[in-house]
């Protein structure tokens, strides 16, 4: 096949349902689906400004977000290992 391109699917939070993922994944369709707001995502959003992905390329923003997540998880690990029980949470 000439000019074969991957199929990609992008959607808002209304499509964040297991049926959609179950349809896309076995067909190797790439996807980006926004997750519905929840307390865990809001804590991360405000803790590290996850919304500040200002790079011009998708790949660069993806790496930047992964670094933010790594920093967040590392901070949580260190907090749990080093802080006294009274202030861990």
PDB file of N, CA and C in Angstrom:
ATOM      1  N   UNK A   1       0.828  -1.193   0.000  1.00  0.00           N
ATOM      2  CA  UNK A   1       0.000   0.000   0.000  1.00  0.00           C
ATOM      3  C   UNK A   1       0.865   1.246   0.000  1.00  0.00           C
ATOM      4  N   UNK A   2       0.566   2.159  -0.858  1.00  0.00           N
ATOM      5  CA  UNK A   2       1.277   3.430  -0.878  1.00  0.00           C
ATOM      6  C   UNK A   2       0.564   4.429   0.014  1.00  0.00           C
ATOM      7  N   UNK A   3       1.346   5.213   0.730  1.00  0.00           N
ATOM      8  CA  UNK A   3       0.765   6.272   1.564  1.00  0.00           C
ATOM      9  C   UNK A   3      -0.059   5.760   2.733  1.00  0.00           C
ATOM     10  N   UNK A   4       0.263   4.607   3.250  1.00  0.00           N
ATOM     11  CA  UNK A   4      -0.478   4.053   4.383  1.00  0.00           C
ATOM     12  C   UNK A   4      -0.173   4.881   5.628  1.00  0.00           C
ATOM     13  N   UNK A   5      -1.210   5.378   6.265  1.00  0.00           N
ATOM     14  CA  UNK A   5      -1.046   6.195   7.471  1.00  0.00           C
ATOM     15  C   UNK A   5      -1.737   5.530   8.654  1.00  0.00           C
ATOM     16  N   UNK A   6      -1.197   5.753   9.845  1.00  0.00           N
ATOM     17  CA  UNK A   6      -1.873   5.185  11.014  1.00  0.00           C
ATOM     18  C   UNK A   6      -3.212   5.881  11.256  1.00  0.00           C
ATOM     19  N   UNK A   7      -4.138   5.157  11.819  1.00  0.00           N
ATOM     20  CA  UNK A   7      -5.445   5.723  12.157  1.00  0.00           C
ATOM     21  C   UNK A   7      -5.371   6.220  13.597  1.00  0.00           C
ATOM     22  N   UNK A   8      -5.798   7.454  13.816  1.00  0.00           N
ATOM     23  CA  UNK A   8      -5.771   8.062  15.148  1.00  0.00           C
ATOM     24  C   UNK A   8      -7.171   8.528  15.524  1.00  0.00           C
ATOM     25  N   UNK A   9      -7.483   8.468  16.806  1.00  0.00           N
ATOM     26  CA  UNK A   9      -8.787   8.871  17.320  1.00  0.00           C
ATOM     27  C   UNK A   9      -8.558   9.845  18.472  1.00  0.00           C
ATOM     28  N   UNK A  10      -9.226  10.981  18.422  1.00  0.00           N
ATOM     29  CA  UNK A  10      -9.102  11.983  19.482  1.00  0.00           C
ATOM     30  C   UNK A  10     -10.502  12.368  19.931  1.00  0.00           C
ATOM     31  N   UNK A  11     -10.715  12.412  21.256  1.00  0.00           N
ATOM     32  CA  UNK A  11     -12.061  12.683  21.748  1.00  0.00           C
ATOM     33  C   UNK A  11     -12.026  13.371  23.104  1.00  0.00           C
ATOM     34  N   UNK A  12     -13.185  13.931  23.472  1.00  0.00           N
ATOM     35  CA  UNK A  12     -13.293  14.580  24.776  1.00  0.00           C
ATOM     36  C   UNK A  12     -13.710  13.550  25.828  1.00  0.00           C
ATOM     37  N   UNK A  13     -13.948  14.009  27.041  1.00  0.00           N
ATOM     38  CA  UNK A  13     -14.200  13.127  28.181  1.00  0.00           C
ATOM     39  C   UNK A  13     -15.465  12.284  28.025  1.00  0.00           C
ATOM     40  N   UNK A  14     -16.389  12.691  27.181  1.00  0.00           N
ATOM     41  CA  UNK A  14     -17.616  11.916  26.994  1.00  0.00           C
ATOM     42  C   UNK A  14     -17.328  10.535  26.405  1.00  0.00           C
ATOM     43  N   UNK A  15     -16.187  10.383  25.732  1.00  0.00           N
ATOM     44  CA  UNK A  15     -15.832   9.103  25.110  1.00  0.00           C
ATOM     45  C   UNK A  15     -14.887   8.269  25.967  1.00  0.00           C
ATOM     46  N   UNK A  16     -14.607   8.687  27.190  1.00  0.00           N
ATOM     47  CA  UNK A  16     -13.704   7.942  28.079  1.00  0.00           C
ATOM     48  C   UNK A  16     -14.469   6.793  28.723  1.00  0.00           C
ATOM     49  N   UNK A  17     -14.777   5.793  27.906  1.00  0.00           N
ATOM     50  CA  UNK A  17     -15.546   4.636  28.360  1.00  0.00           C
ATOM     51  C   UNK A  17     -14.819   3.367  27.970  1.00  0.00           C
ATOM     52  N   UNK A  18     -14.905   2.336  28.794  1.00  0.00           N
ATOM     53  CA  UNK A  18     -14.196   1.086  28.494  1.00  0.00           C
ATOM     54  C   UNK A  18     -14.515   0.520  27.112  1.00  0.00           C
ATOM     55  N   UNK A  19     -15.764   0.664  26.660  1.00  0.00           N
ATOM     56  CA  UNK A  19     -16.137   0.119  25.355  1.00  0.00           C
ATOM     57  C   UNK A  19     -15.320   0.752  24.229  1.00  0.00           C
ATOM     58  N   UNK A  20     -15.039   2.042  24.368  1.00  0.00           N
ATOM     59  CA  UNK A  20     -14.273   2.743  23.332  1.00  0.00           C
ATOM     60  C   UNK A  20     -12.842   2.218  23.311  1.00  0.00           C
ATOM     61  N   UNK A  21     -12.207   2.090  24.489  1.00  0.00           N
ATOM     62  CA  UNK A  21     -10.837   1.570  24.554  1.00  0.00           C
ATOM     63  C   UNK A  21     -10.778   0.135  24.039  1.00  0.00           C
ATOM     64  N   UNK A  22     -11.778  -0.663  24.415  1.00  0.00           N
ATOM     65  CA  UNK A  22     -11.809  -2.064  23.986  1.00  0.00           C
ATOM     66  C   UNK A  22     -11.962  -2.196  22.476  1.00  0.00           C
ATOM     67  N   UNK A  23     -12.605  -1.225  21.853  1.00  0.00           N
ATOM     68  CA  UNK A  23     -12.733  -1.241  20.399  1.00  0.00           C
ATOM     69  C   UNK A  23     -11.424  -0.807  19.730  1.00  0.00           C
ATOM     70  N   UNK A  24     -10.796   0.234  20.247  1.00  0.00           N
ATOM     71  CA  UNK A  24      -9.615   0.822  19.605  1.00  0.00           C
ATOM     72  C   UNK A  24      -8.349  -0.021  19.753  1.00  0.00           C
ATOM     73  N   UNK A  25      -8.100  -0.525  20.943  1.00  0.00           N
ATOM     74  CA  UNK A  25      -6.816  -1.185  21.210  1.00  0.00           C
ATOM     75  C   UNK A  25      -6.542  -2.423  20.363  1.00  0.00           C
ATOM     76  N   UNK A  26      -7.479  -3.370  20.210  1.00  0.00           N
ATOM     77  CA  UNK A  26      -7.149  -4.543  19.393  1.00  0.00           C
ATOM     78  C   UNK A  26      -6.948  -4.204  17.919  1.00  0.00           C
ATOM     79  N   UNK A  27      -7.478  -3.067  17.491  1.00  0.00           N
ATOM     80  CA  UNK A  27      -7.338  -2.646  16.096  1.00  0.00           C
ATOM     81  C   UNK A  27      -6.103  -1.764  15.883  1.00  0.00           C
ATOM     82  N   UNK A  28      -5.331  -1.577  16.952  1.00  0.00           N
ATOM     83  CA  UNK A  28      -4.103  -0.767  16.912  1.00  0.00           C
ATOM     84  C   UNK A  28      -4.376   0.648  16.409  1.00  0.00           C
ATOM     85  N   UNK A  29      -5.483   1.201  16.879  1.00  0.00           N
ATOM     86  CA  UNK A  29      -5.836   2.584  16.559  1.00  0.00           C
ATOM     87  C   UNK A  29      -5.319   3.448  17.698  1.00  0.00           C
ATOM     88  N   UNK A  30      -4.439   4.394  17.371  1.00  0.00           N
ATOM     89  CA  UNK A  30      -3.923   5.303  18.390  1.00  0.00           C
ATOM     90  C   UNK A  30      -5.023   6.233  18.871  1.00  0.00           C
ATOM     91  N   UNK A  31      -4.980   6.610  20.145  1.00  0.00           N
ATOM     92  CA  UNK A  31      -6.031   7.487  20.647  1.00  0.00           C
ATOM     93  C   UNK A  31      -5.524   8.440  21.717  1.00  0.00           C
ATOM     94  N   UNK A  32      -6.203   9.557  21.797  1.00  0.00           N
ATOM     95  CA  UNK A  32      -6.009  10.538  22.866  1.00  0.00           C
ATOM     96  C   UNK A  32      -7.410  10.934  23.311  1.00  0.00           C
ATOM     97  N   UNK A  33      -7.784  10.487  24.492  1.00  0.00           N
ATOM     98  CA  UNK A  33      -9.118  10.758  25.013  1.00  0.00           C
ATOM     99  C   UNK A  33      -8.972  11.466  26.348  1.00  0.00           C
ATOM    100  N   UNK A  34      -9.593  12.605  26.454  1.00  0.00           N
ATOM    101  CA  UNK A  34      -9.534  13.355  27.710  1.00  0.00           C
ATOM    102  C   UNK A  34     -10.273  12.581  28.792  1.00  0.00           C
ATOM    103  N   UNK A  35      -9.683  12.542  29.985  1.00  0.00           N
ATOM    104  CA  UNK A  35     -10.324  11.866  31.108  1.00  0.00           C
ATOM    105  C   UNK A  35     -11.251  12.835  31.826  1.00  0.00           C
ATOM    106  N   UNK A  36     -12.355  12.342  32.376  1.00  0.00           N
ATOM    107  CA  UNK A  36     -13.226  13.215  33.162  1.00  0.00           C
ATOM    108  C   UNK A  36     -12.478  13.732  34.387  1.00  0.00           C
ATOM    109  N   UNK A  37     -12.822  14.906  34.818  1.00  0.00           N
ATOM    110  CA  UNK A  37     -12.180  15.499  35.991  1.00  0.00           C
ATOM    111  C   UNK A  37     -12.442  14.630  37.216  1.00  0.00           C
ATOM    112  N   UNK A  38     -11.421  14.490  38.055  1.00  0.00           N
ATOM    113  CA  UNK A  38     -11.567  13.802  39.325  1.00  0.00           C
ATOM    114  C   UNK A  38     -10.553  14.392  40.294  1.00  0.00           C
ATOM    115  N   UNK A  39     -10.664  14.037  41.561  1.00  0.00           N
ATOM    116  CA  UNK A  39      -9.804  14.653  42.580  1.00  0.00           C
ATOM    117  C   UNK A  39      -8.329  14.364  42.357  1.00  0.00           C
ATOM    118  N   UNK A  40      -8.005  13.168  41.891  1.00  0.00           N
ATOM    119  CA  UNK A  40      -6.602  12.810  41.673  1.00  0.00           C
ATOM    120  C   UNK A  40      -6.000  13.677  40.572  1.00  0.00           C
ATOM    121  N   UNK A  41      -6.721  13.824  39.472  1.00  0.00           N
ATOM    122  CA  UNK A  41      -6.201  14.638  38.378  1.00  0.00           C
ATOM    123  C   UNK A  41      -6.124  16.117  38.753  1.00  0.00           C
ATOM    124  N   UNK A  42      -7.122  16.603  39.519  1.00  0.00           N
ATOM    125  CA  UNK A  42      -7.090  18.009  39.930  1.00  0.00           C
ATOM    126  C   UNK A  42      -5.920  18.266  40.865  1.00  0.00           C
ATOM    127  N   UNK A  43      -5.610  17.287  41.811  1.00  0.00           N
ATOM    128  CA  UNK A  43      -4.471  17.479  42.731  1.00  0.00           C
ATOM    129  C   UNK A  43      -3.199  17.619  41.920  1.00  0.00           C
ATOM    130  N   UNK A  44      -3.033  16.740  40.853  1.00  0.00           N
ATOM    131  CA  UNK A  44      -1.844  16.794  40.004  1.00  0.00           C
ATOM    132  C   UNK A  44      -1.793  18.069  39.185  1.00  0.00           C
ATOM    133  N   UNK A  45      -2.929  18.477  38.645  1.00  0.00           N
ATOM    134  CA  UNK A  45      -3.003  19.678  37.817  1.00  0.00           C
ATOM    135  C   UNK A  45      -2.541  20.908  38.592  1.00  0.00           C
ATOM    136  N   UNK A  46      -3.030  21.037  39.815  1.00  0.00           N
ATOM    137  CA  UNK A  46      -2.680  22.222  40.591  1.00  0.00           C
ATOM    138  C   UNK A  46      -1.332  22.095  41.297  1.00  0.00           C
ATOM    139  N   UNK A  47      -0.907  20.864  41.567  1.00  0.00           N
ATOM    140  CA  UNK A  47       0.359  20.669  42.265  1.00  0.00           C
ATOM    141  C   UNK A  47       1.551  20.994  41.368  1.00  0.00           C
ATOM    142  N   UNK A  48       1.464  20.636  40.103  1.00  0.00           N
ATOM    143  CA  UNK A  48       2.620  20.815  39.214  1.00  0.00           C
ATOM    144  C   UNK A  48       2.321  21.607  37.950  1.00  0.00           C
ATOM    145  N   UNK A  49       1.195  22.255  37.881  1.00  0.00           N
ATOM    146  CA  UNK A  49       0.809  23.008  36.685  1.00  0.00           C
ATOM    147  C   UNK A  49       0.883  22.131  35.435  1.00  0.00           C
ATOM    148  N   UNK A  50       0.224  20.968  35.479  1.00  0.00           N
ATOM    149  CA  UNK A  50       0.243  20.056  34.336  1.00  0.00           C
ATOM    150  C   UNK A  50      -0.374  20.678  33.099  1.00  0.00           C
ATOM    151  N   UNK A  51      -1.101  21.755  33.267  1.00  0.00           N
ATOM    152  CA  UNK A  51      -1.731  22.388  32.105  1.00  0.00           C
ATOM    153  C   UNK A  51      -0.741  23.252  31.338  1.00  0.00           C
ATOM    154  N   UNK A  52       0.446  23.455  31.854  1.00  0.00           N
ATOM    155  CA  UNK A  52       1.447  24.304  31.216  1.00  0.00           C
ATOM    156  C   UNK A  52       2.325  23.497  30.262  1.00  0.00           C
ATOM    157  N   UNK A  53       1.731  22.974  29.223  1.00  0.00           N
ATOM    158  CA  UNK A  53       2.472  22.234  28.216  1.00  0.00           C
ATOM    159  C   UNK A  53       2.540  23.113  26.973  1.00  0.00           C
ATOM    160  N   UNK A  54       3.519  23.981  26.947  1.00  0.00           N
ATOM    161  CA  UNK A  54       3.555  25.014  25.923  1.00  0.00           C
ATOM    162  C   UNK A  54       4.488  24.707  24.761  1.00  0.00           C
ATOM    163  N   UNK A  55       5.022  23.500  24.686  1.00  0.00           N
ATOM    164  CA  UNK A  55       5.883  23.154  23.557  1.00  0.00           C
ATOM    165  C   UNK A  55       5.035  23.094  22.284  1.00  0.00           C
ATOM    166  N   UNK A  56       5.657  23.317  21.168  1.00  0.00           N
ATOM    167  CA  UNK A  56       4.919  23.357  19.904  1.00  0.00           C
ATOM    168  C   UNK A  56       4.657  21.974  19.319  1.00  0.00           C
ATOM    169  N   UNK A  57       5.425  20.968  19.734  1.00  0.00           N
ATOM    170  CA  UNK A  57       5.259  19.626  19.190  1.00  0.00           C
ATOM    171  C   UNK A  57       4.625  18.705  20.218  1.00  0.00           C
ATOM    172  N   UNK A  58       3.775  17.806  19.729  1.00  0.00           N
ATOM    173  CA  UNK A  58       3.095  16.853  20.608  1.00  0.00           C
ATOM    174  C   UNK A  58       4.100  16.001  21.372  1.00  0.00           C
ATOM    175  N   UNK A  59       5.129  15.511  20.694  1.00  0.00           N
ATOM    176  CA  UNK A  59       6.133  14.659  21.346  1.00  0.00           C
ATOM    177  C   UNK A  59       6.829  15.385  22.486  1.00  0.00           C
ATOM    178  N   UNK A  60       7.143  16.650  22.282  1.00  0.00           N
ATOM    179  CA  UNK A  60       7.812  17.424  23.328  1.00  0.00           C
ATOM    180  C   UNK A  60       6.895  17.604  24.538  1.00  0.00           C
ATOM    181  N   UNK A  61       5.609  17.862  24.296  1.00  0.00           N
ATOM    182  CA  UNK A  61       4.656  17.987  25.402  1.00  0.00           C
ATOM    183  C   UNK A  61       4.480  16.663  26.127  1.00  0.00           C
ATOM    184  N   UNK A  62       4.512  15.563  25.381  1.00  0.00           N
ATOM    185  CA  UNK A  62       4.387  14.248  25.997  1.00  0.00           C
ATOM    186  C   UNK A  62       5.558  13.988  26.951  1.00  0.00           C
ATOM    187  N   UNK A  63       6.767  14.301  26.518  1.00  0.00           N
ATOM    188  CA  UNK A  63       7.946  14.122  27.373  1.00  0.00           C
ATOM    189  C   UNK A  63       7.861  15.040  28.579  1.00  0.00           C
ATOM    190  N   UNK A  64       7.431  16.258  28.363  1.00  0.00           N
ATOM    191  CA  UNK A  64       7.327  17.207  29.471  1.00  0.00           C
ATOM    192  C   UNK A  64       6.317  16.733  30.517  1.00  0.00           C
ATOM    193  N   UNK A  65       5.189  16.207  30.062  1.00  0.00           N
ATOM    194  CA  UNK A  65       4.186  15.691  30.990  1.00  0.00           C
ATOM    195  C   UNK A  65       4.718  14.486  31.749  1.00  0.00           C
ATOM    196  N   UNK A  66       5.436  13.602  31.064  1.00  0.00           N
ATOM    197  CA  UNK A  66       6.018  12.441  31.736  1.00  0.00           C
ATOM    198  C   UNK A  66       7.035  12.864  32.796  1.00  0.00           C
ATOM    199  N   UNK A  67       7.803  13.899  32.522  1.00  0.00           N
ATOM    200  CA  UNK A  67       8.751  14.406  33.522  1.00  0.00           C
ATOM    201  C   UNK A  67       8.026  14.987  34.726  1.00  0.00           C
ATOM    202  N   UNK A  68       6.923  15.704  34.475  1.00  0.00           N
ATOM    203  CA  UNK A  68       6.119  16.220  35.586  1.00  0.00           C
ATOM    204  C   UNK A  68       5.591  15.083  36.450  1.00  0.00           C
ATOM    205  N   UNK A  69       5.088  14.029  35.814  1.00  0.00           N
ATOM    206  CA  UNK A  69       4.546  12.894  36.556  1.00  0.00           C
ATOM    207  C   UNK A  69       5.641  12.200  37.360  1.00  0.00           C
ATOM    208  N   UNK A  70       6.804  12.028  36.751  1.00  0.00           N
ATOM    209  CA  UNK A  70       7.932  11.418  37.453  1.00  0.00           C
ATOM    210  C   UNK A  70       8.316  12.256  38.677  1.00  0.00           C
ATOM    211  N   UNK A  71       8.390  13.568  38.512  1.00  0.00           N
ATOM    212  CA  UNK A  71       8.735  14.452  39.630  1.00  0.00           C
ATOM    213  C   UNK A  71       7.678  14.367  40.728  1.00  0.00           C
ATOM    214  N   UNK A  72       6.420  14.328  40.345  1.00  0.00           N
ATOM    215  CA  UNK A  72       5.324  14.232  41.316  1.00  0.00           C
ATOM    216  C   UNK A  72       5.418  12.932  42.112  1.00  0.00           C
ATOM    217  N   UNK A  73       5.620  11.819  41.398  1.00  0.00           N
ATOM    218  CA  UNK A  73       5.720  10.520  42.069  1.00  0.00           C
ATOM    219  C   UNK A  73       6.968  10.429  42.944  1.00  0.00           C
ATOM    220  N   UNK A  74       8.063  10.977  42.491  1.00  0.00           N
ATOM    221  CA  UNK A  74       9.283  10.986  43.292  1.00  0.00           C
ATOM    222  C   UNK A  74       9.088  11.802  44.563  1.00  0.00           C
ATOM    223  N   UNK A  75       8.434  12.949  44.434  1.00  0.00           N
ATOM    224  CA  UNK A  75       8.130  13.769  45.608  1.00  0.00           C
ATOM    225  C   UNK A  75       7.263  13.026  46.609  1.00  0.00           C
ATOM    226  N   UNK A  76       6.244  12.308  46.121  1.00  0.00           N
ATOM    227  CA  UNK A  76       5.393  11.515  47.018  1.00  0.00           C
ATOM    228  C   UNK A  76       6.181  10.413  47.709  1.00  0.00           C
ATOM    229  N   UNK A  77       7.047   9.734  46.958  1.00  0.00           N
ATOM    230  CA  UNK A  77       7.864   8.675  47.544  1.00  0.00           C
ATOM    231  C   UNK A  77       8.761   9.225  48.646  1.00  0.00           C
ATOM    232  N   UNK A  78       9.452  10.311  48.361  1.00  0.00           N
ATOM    233  CA  UNK A  78      10.342  10.902  49.365  1.00  0.00           C
ATOM    234  C   UNK A  78       9.575  11.393  50.583  1.00  0.00           C
ATOM    235  N   UNK A  79       8.400  11.964  50.337  1.00  0.00           N
ATOM    236  CA  UNK A  79       7.567  12.437  51.453  1.00  0.00           C
ATOM    237  C   UNK A  79       7.184  11.278  52.361  1.00  0.00           C
ATOM    238  N   UNK A  80       6.796  10.167  51.769  1.00  0.00           N
ATOM    239  CA  UNK A  80       6.367   9.015  52.567  1.00  0.00           C
ATOM    240  C   UNK A  80       7.530   8.347  53.288  1.00  0.00           C
ATOM    241  N   UNK A  81       8.711   8.394  52.706  1.00  0.00           N
ATOM    242  CA  UNK A  81       9.862   7.744  53.326  1.00  0.00           C
ATOM    243  C   UNK A  81      10.505   8.578  54.429  1.00  0.00           C
ATOM    244  N   UNK A  82      10.445   9.886  54.316  1.00  0.00           N
ATOM    245  CA  UNK A  82      11.232  10.727  55.212  1.00  0.00           C
ATOM    246  C   UNK A  82      10.440  11.525  56.242  1.00  0.00           C
ATOM    247  N   UNK A  83       9.218  11.854  55.960  1.00  0.00           N
ATOM    248  CA  UNK A  83       8.473  12.697  56.890  1.00  0.00           C
ATOM    249  C   UNK A  83       7.918  11.892  58.051  1.00  0.00           C
ATOM    250  N   UNK A  84       7.820  12.516  59.222  1.00  0.00           N
ATOM    251  CA  UNK A  84       7.194  11.846  60.363  1.00  0.00           C
ATOM    252  C   UNK A  84       5.716  11.545  60.069  1.00  0.00           C
ATOM    253  N   UNK A  85       5.173  10.538  60.729  1.00  0.00           N
ATOM    254  CA  UNK A  85       3.803  10.120  60.484  1.00  0.00           C
ATOM    255  C   UNK A  85       2.792  11.265  60.629  1.00  0.00           C
ATOM    256  N   UNK A  86       3.042  12.143  61.537  1.00  0.00           N
ATOM    257  CA  UNK A  86       2.070  13.224  61.814  1.00  0.00           C
ATOM    258  C   UNK A  86       1.877  14.157  60.619  1.00  0.00           C
ATOM    259  N   UNK A  87       2.859  14.293  59.756  1.00  0.00           N
ATOM    260  CA  UNK A  87       2.747  15.228  58.638  1.00  0.00           C
ATOM    261  C   UNK A  87       2.821  14.562  57.269  1.00  0.00           C
ATOM    262  N   UNK A  88       2.831  13.229  57.217  1.00  0.00           N
ATOM    263  CA  UNK A  88       2.933  12.516  55.933  1.00  0.00           C
ATOM    264  C   UNK A  88       1.794  12.830  54.980  1.00  0.00           C
ATOM    265  N   UNK A  89       0.586  12.963  55.511  1.00  0.00           N
ATOM    266  CA  UNK A  89      -0.565  13.172  54.654  1.00  0.00           C
ATOM    267  C   UNK A  89      -0.884  14.643  54.483  1.00  0.00           C
TER     268      UNK A  89
END
